Amino acid sequence: MQQRIVVIDGMGGGIGAQLIAKLKELGPDIIDADAEVIALGTNASATERMLKAGAHRGATGENAIRVSVGLGDFILGPIGIVIPDSMMGEITAGMVKAILTAPGERILLPLQNDHFYLAGLEQLPLAKMTDRAIEIFRERVKARKG
């Protein structure tokens, strides 16, 4: 069965692009040769940036996210993708429901926003957060492969 990884981002797509670039660096012991990385952007700029980072295909907008998020064995993105009205209102309740009920495992970066705080988490630079997300992804893939 083909491995599918969904990366969701909004705003400018920078976080998603960084995640995709790091996924592309993983070896064949983690990422299968026929694996597909799917970029789902809340806006066209985010989708375009993730495609430029190496996603195989992408789609944009609420309906695309609601329909396509279920394709992923893994779903990666900033924590805002599961908080309605985050990312300056780009994340809708419908998107959140689809992301949280999708069958794939979610690996989320705990980015703090102005309107919510995550207590008990150390503030790390974005590069360290993306490295940690990829490390978790690697661990979860190995666990699935047995």
C-alpha atoms as a PDB file:
ATOM      1  CA  MET A   1       0.000   0.000   0.000  1.00  0.00           C
ATOM      2  CA  GLN A   2       1.330   3.420  -0.960  1.00  0.00           C
ATOM      3  CA  GLN A   3       2.493   5.595   1.906  1.00  0.00           C
ATOM      4  CA  ARG A   4       0.731   8.989   1.922  1.00  0.00           C
ATOM      5  CA  ILE A   5       1.743  11.972   4.001  1.00  0.00           C
ATOM      6  CA  VAL A   6      -0.519  15.029   4.164  1.00  0.00           C
ATOM      7  CA  VAL A   7       0.993  18.369   5.136  1.00  0.00           C
ATOM      8  CA  ILE A   8      -1.453  21.163   5.981  1.00  0.00           C
ATOM      9  CA  ASP A   9      -0.552  24.825   6.334  1.00  0.00           C
ATOM     10  CA  GLY A  10      -1.971  28.278   5.835  1.00  0.00           C
ATOM     11  CA  MET A  11      -0.812  31.873   5.760  1.00  0.00           C
ATOM     12  CA  GLY A  12       2.405  31.775   3.651  1.00  0.00           C
ATOM     13  CA  GLY A  13       2.978  28.023   3.826  1.00  0.00           C
ATOM     14  CA  GLY A  14       6.439  28.356   5.360  1.00  0.00           C
ATOM     15  CA  ILE A  15       5.987  25.747   8.066  1.00  0.00           C
ATOM     16  CA  GLY A  16       4.529  23.232   5.631  1.00  0.00           C
ATOM     17  CA  ALA A  17       7.361  23.903   3.174  1.00  0.00           C
ATOM     18  CA  GLN A  18       9.954  23.243   5.887  1.00  0.00           C
ATOM     19  CA  LEU A  19       8.237  19.996   6.883  1.00  0.00           C
ATOM     20  CA  ILE A  20       8.084  18.824   3.263  1.00  0.00           C
ATOM     21  CA  ALA A  21      11.731  19.672   2.636  1.00  0.00           C
ATOM     22  CA  LYS A  22      12.740  17.617   5.683  1.00  0.00           C
ATOM     23  CA  LEU A  23      10.485  14.721   4.673  1.00  0.00           C
ATOM     24  CA  LYS A  24      12.190  14.670   1.267  1.00  0.00           C
ATOM     25  CA  GLU A  25      15.555  14.215   3.002  1.00  0.00           C
ATOM     26  CA  LEU A  26      14.488  10.979   4.718  1.00  0.00           C
ATOM     27  CA  GLY A  27      15.908   7.744   3.376  1.00  0.00           C
ATOM     28  CA  PRO A  28      14.082   4.782   1.838  1.00  0.00           C
ATOM     29  CA  ASP A  29      14.008   2.986   5.197  1.00  0.00           C
ATOM     30  CA  ILE A  30      11.466   5.629   6.305  1.00  0.00           C
ATOM     31  CA  ILE A  31       9.903   7.051   3.135  1.00  0.00           C
ATOM     32  CA  ASP A  32       8.967   4.431   0.540  1.00  0.00           C
ATOM     33  CA  ALA A  33      10.111   5.107  -3.029  1.00  0.00           C
ATOM     34  CA  ASP A  34       6.495   5.474  -4.155  1.00  0.00           C
ATOM     35  CA  ALA A  35       5.404   7.556  -1.140  1.00  0.00           C
ATOM     36  CA  GLU A  36       3.241  10.555  -1.897  1.00  0.00           C
ATOM     37  CA  VAL A  37       3.423  13.883  -0.093  1.00  0.00           C
ATOM     38  CA  ILE A  38       0.175  15.846  -0.441  1.00  0.00           C
ATOM     39  CA  ALA A  39       0.149  19.578   0.306  1.00  0.00           C
ATOM     40  CA  LEU A  40      -3.136  21.022   1.537  1.00  0.00           C
ATOM     41  CA  GLY A  41      -3.156  24.789   1.869  1.00  0.00           C
ATOM     42  CA  THR A  42      -5.790  27.031   3.334  1.00  0.00           C
ATOM     43  CA  ASN A  43      -4.873  29.470   0.554  1.00  0.00           C
ATOM     44  CA  ALA A  44      -3.156  29.318  -2.840  1.00  0.00           C
ATOM     45  CA  SER A  45       0.093  30.873  -1.578  1.00  0.00           C
ATOM     46  CA  ALA A  46       0.521  28.184   1.068  1.00  0.00           C
ATOM     47  CA  THR A  47      -0.203  25.393  -1.397  1.00  0.00           C
ATOM     48  CA  GLU A  48       2.177  26.822  -3.996  1.00  0.00           C
ATOM     49  CA  ARG A  49       5.017  27.165  -1.498  1.00  0.00           C
ATOM     50  CA  MET A  50       4.575  23.566  -0.315  1.00  0.00           C
ATOM     51  CA  LEU A  51       4.527  22.312  -3.914  1.00  0.00           C
ATOM     52  CA  LYS A  52       7.773  24.186  -4.582  1.00  0.00           C
ATOM     53  CA  ALA A  53       9.256  22.470  -1.511  1.00  0.00           C
ATOM     54  CA  GLY A  54       8.620  19.091  -3.142  1.00  0.00           C
ATOM     55  CA  ALA A  55       5.056  17.945  -2.499  1.00  0.00           C
ATOM     56  CA  HIS A  56       3.818  15.604  -5.225  1.00  0.00           C
ATOM     57  CA  ARG A  57       0.437  17.275  -5.504  1.00  0.00           C
ATOM     58  CA  GLY A  58      -1.606  19.860  -3.697  1.00  0.00           C
ATOM     59  CA  ALA A  59      -5.022  21.352  -3.233  1.00  0.00           C
ATOM     60  CA  THR A  60      -6.344  24.554  -1.739  1.00  0.00           C
ATOM     61  CA  GLY A  61      -9.227  25.614   0.452  1.00  0.00           C
ATOM     62  CA  GLU A  62     -11.701  24.310   2.969  1.00  0.00           C
ATOM     63  CA  ASN A  63     -13.374  21.733   0.777  1.00  0.00           C
ATOM     64  CA  ALA A  64     -10.061  20.380  -0.502  1.00  0.00           C
ATOM     65  CA  ILE A  65      -8.842  19.939   3.065  1.00  0.00           C
ATOM     66  CA  ARG A  66     -12.086  18.356   4.232  1.00  0.00           C
ATOM     67  CA  VAL A  67     -12.087  15.889   1.326  1.00  0.00           C
ATOM     68  CA  SER A  68      -8.365  15.108   1.049  1.00  0.00           C
ATOM     69  CA  VAL A  69      -7.137  15.014   4.653  1.00  0.00           C
ATOM     70  CA  GLY A  70      -8.447  11.467   4.967  1.00  0.00           C
ATOM     71  CA  LEU A  71      -5.963  10.260   2.345  1.00  0.00           C
ATOM     72  CA  GLY A  72      -3.002  10.560   4.689  1.00  0.00           C
ATOM     73  CA  ASP A  73      -1.437   7.872   6.818  1.00  0.00           C
ATOM     74  CA  PHE A  74       0.152  10.848   8.580  1.00  0.00           C
ATOM     75  CA  ILE A  75      -1.015  14.465   8.871  1.00  0.00           C
ATOM     76  CA  LEU A  76       1.607  17.092   9.684  1.00  0.00           C
ATOM     77  CA  GLY A  77       1.228  20.801  10.352  1.00  0.00           C
ATOM     78  CA  PRO A  78       1.153  23.515  12.989  1.00  0.00           C
ATOM     79  CA  ILE A  79      -1.191  23.035  15.939  1.00  0.00           C
ATOM     80  CA  GLY A  80      -3.374  25.843  14.609  1.00  0.00           C
ATOM     81  CA  ILE A  81      -4.847  23.436  12.060  1.00  0.00           C
ATOM     82  CA  VAL A  82      -6.916  21.912  14.874  1.00  0.00           C
ATOM     83  CA  ILE A  83      -8.052  25.197  16.435  1.00  0.00           C
ATOM     84  CA  PRO A  84     -11.060  26.874  14.786  1.00  0.00           C
ATOM     85  CA  ASP A  85     -10.509  30.455  13.635  1.00  0.00           C
ATOM     86  CA  SER A  86      -6.736  30.246  14.072  1.00  0.00           C
ATOM     87  CA  MET A  87      -4.250  31.392  11.426  1.00  0.00           C
ATOM     88  CA  MET A  88      -6.061  34.720  11.255  1.00  0.00           C
ATOM     89  CA  GLY A  89      -9.391  33.001  10.612  1.00  0.00           C
ATOM     90  CA  GLU A  90      -8.209  30.665   7.846  1.00  0.00           C
ATOM     91  CA  ILE A  91      -9.066  27.510   9.823  1.00  0.00           C
ATOM     92  CA  THR A  92     -12.778  26.734   9.912  1.00  0.00           C
ATOM     93  CA  ALA A  93     -14.634  24.428  12.276  1.00  0.00           C
ATOM     94  CA  GLY A  94     -15.306  22.117   9.319  1.00  0.00           C
ATOM     95  CA  MET A  95     -11.587  21.814   8.595  1.00  0.00           C
ATOM     96  CA  VAL A  96     -10.844  21.076  12.242  1.00  0.00           C
ATOM     97  CA  LYS A  97     -13.491  18.363  12.397  1.00  0.00           C
ATOM     98  CA  ALA A  98     -12.164  16.735   9.223  1.00  0.00           C
ATOM     99  CA  ILE A  99      -8.554  16.854  10.466  1.00  0.00           C
ATOM    100  CA  LEU A 100      -9.408  15.470  13.908  1.00  0.00           C
ATOM    101  CA  THR A 101     -11.610  12.677  12.573  1.00  0.00           C
ATOM    102  CA  ALA A 102      -9.298  11.623   9.731  1.00  0.00           C
ATOM    103  CA  PRO A 103      -7.783   8.176  10.204  1.00  0.00           C
ATOM    104  CA  GLY A 104      -4.143   9.299   9.839  1.00  0.00           C
ATOM    105  CA  GLU A 105      -1.821   9.969  12.762  1.00  0.00           C
ATOM    106  CA  ARG A 106      -1.421  13.677  13.481  1.00  0.00           C
ATOM    107  CA  ILE A 107       1.985  15.201  14.227  1.00  0.00           C
ATOM    108  CA  LEU A 108       1.527  18.865  15.150  1.00  0.00           C
ATOM    109  CA  LEU A 109       4.039  21.614  15.868  1.00  0.00           C
ATOM    110  CA  PRO A 110       3.131  23.421  19.123  1.00  0.00           C
ATOM    111  CA  LEU A 111       3.407  26.974  17.839  1.00  0.00           C
ATOM    112  CA  GLN A 112       2.069  29.617  20.212  1.00  0.00           C
ATOM    113  CA  ASN A 113      -0.307  32.253  18.879  1.00  0.00           C
ATOM    114  CA  ASP A 114      -1.458  35.572  20.264  1.00  0.00           C
ATOM    115  CA  HIS A 115      -4.871  34.199  21.259  1.00  0.00           C
ATOM    116  CA  PHE A 116      -3.825  30.941  22.927  1.00  0.00           C
ATOM    117  CA  TYR A 117      -0.909  29.565  24.897  1.00  0.00           C
ATOM    118  CA  LEU A 118       0.282  26.030  25.482  1.00  0.00           C
ATOM    119  CA  ALA A 119       1.271  25.697  29.112  1.00  0.00           C
ATOM    120  CA  GLY A 120       4.145  23.422  30.018  1.00  0.00           C
ATOM    121  CA  LEU A 121       5.790  23.410  26.607  1.00  0.00           C
ATOM    122  CA  GLU A 122       9.240  24.805  26.099  1.00  0.00           C
ATOM    123  CA  GLN A 123       9.371  27.468  23.399  1.00  0.00           C
ATOM    124  CA  LEU A 124      11.700  26.161  20.707  1.00  0.00           C
ATOM    125  CA  PRO A 125      12.877  27.790  17.503  1.00  0.00           C
ATOM    126  CA  LEU A 126      10.833  26.696  14.478  1.00  0.00           C
ATOM    127  CA  ALA A 127      13.756  24.729  13.021  1.00  0.00           C
ATOM    128  CA  LYS A 128      13.996  22.630  16.202  1.00  0.00           C
ATOM    129  CA  MET A 129      10.228  22.055  16.196  1.00  0.00           C
ATOM    130  CA  THR A 130      10.279  20.828  12.600  1.00  0.00           C
ATOM    131  CA  ASP A 131      13.272  18.584  13.383  1.00  0.00           C
ATOM    132  CA  ARG A 132      11.370  17.111  16.334  1.00  0.00           C
ATOM    133  CA  ALA A 133       8.223  16.592  14.218  1.00  0.00           C
ATOM    134  CA  ILE A 134      10.270  14.685  11.628  1.00  0.00           C
ATOM    135  CA  GLU A 135      11.910  12.659  14.403  1.00  0.00           C
ATOM    136  CA  ILE A 136       8.459  11.692  15.715  1.00  0.00           C
ATOM    137  CA  PHE A 137       7.373  10.858  12.166  1.00  0.00           C
ATOM    138  CA  ARG A 138      10.435   8.604  11.762  1.00  0.00           C
ATOM    139  CA  GLU A 139       9.659   6.835  15.076  1.00  0.00           C
ATOM    140  CA  ARG A 140       5.997   6.293  14.155  1.00  0.00           C
ATOM    141  CA  VAL A 141       6.840   4.917  10.692  1.00  0.00           C
ATOM    142  CA  LYS A 142       9.338   2.481  12.200  1.00  0.00           C
ATOM    143  CA  ALA A 143       6.752   1.397  14.782  1.00  0.00           C
ATOM    144  CA  ARG A 144       4.217   0.715  12.028  1.00  0.00           C
ATOM    145  CA  LYS A 145       6.714  -1.277   9.984  1.00  0.00           C
ATOM    146  CA  GLY A 146       7.503  -3.347  13.057  1.00  0.00           C
END
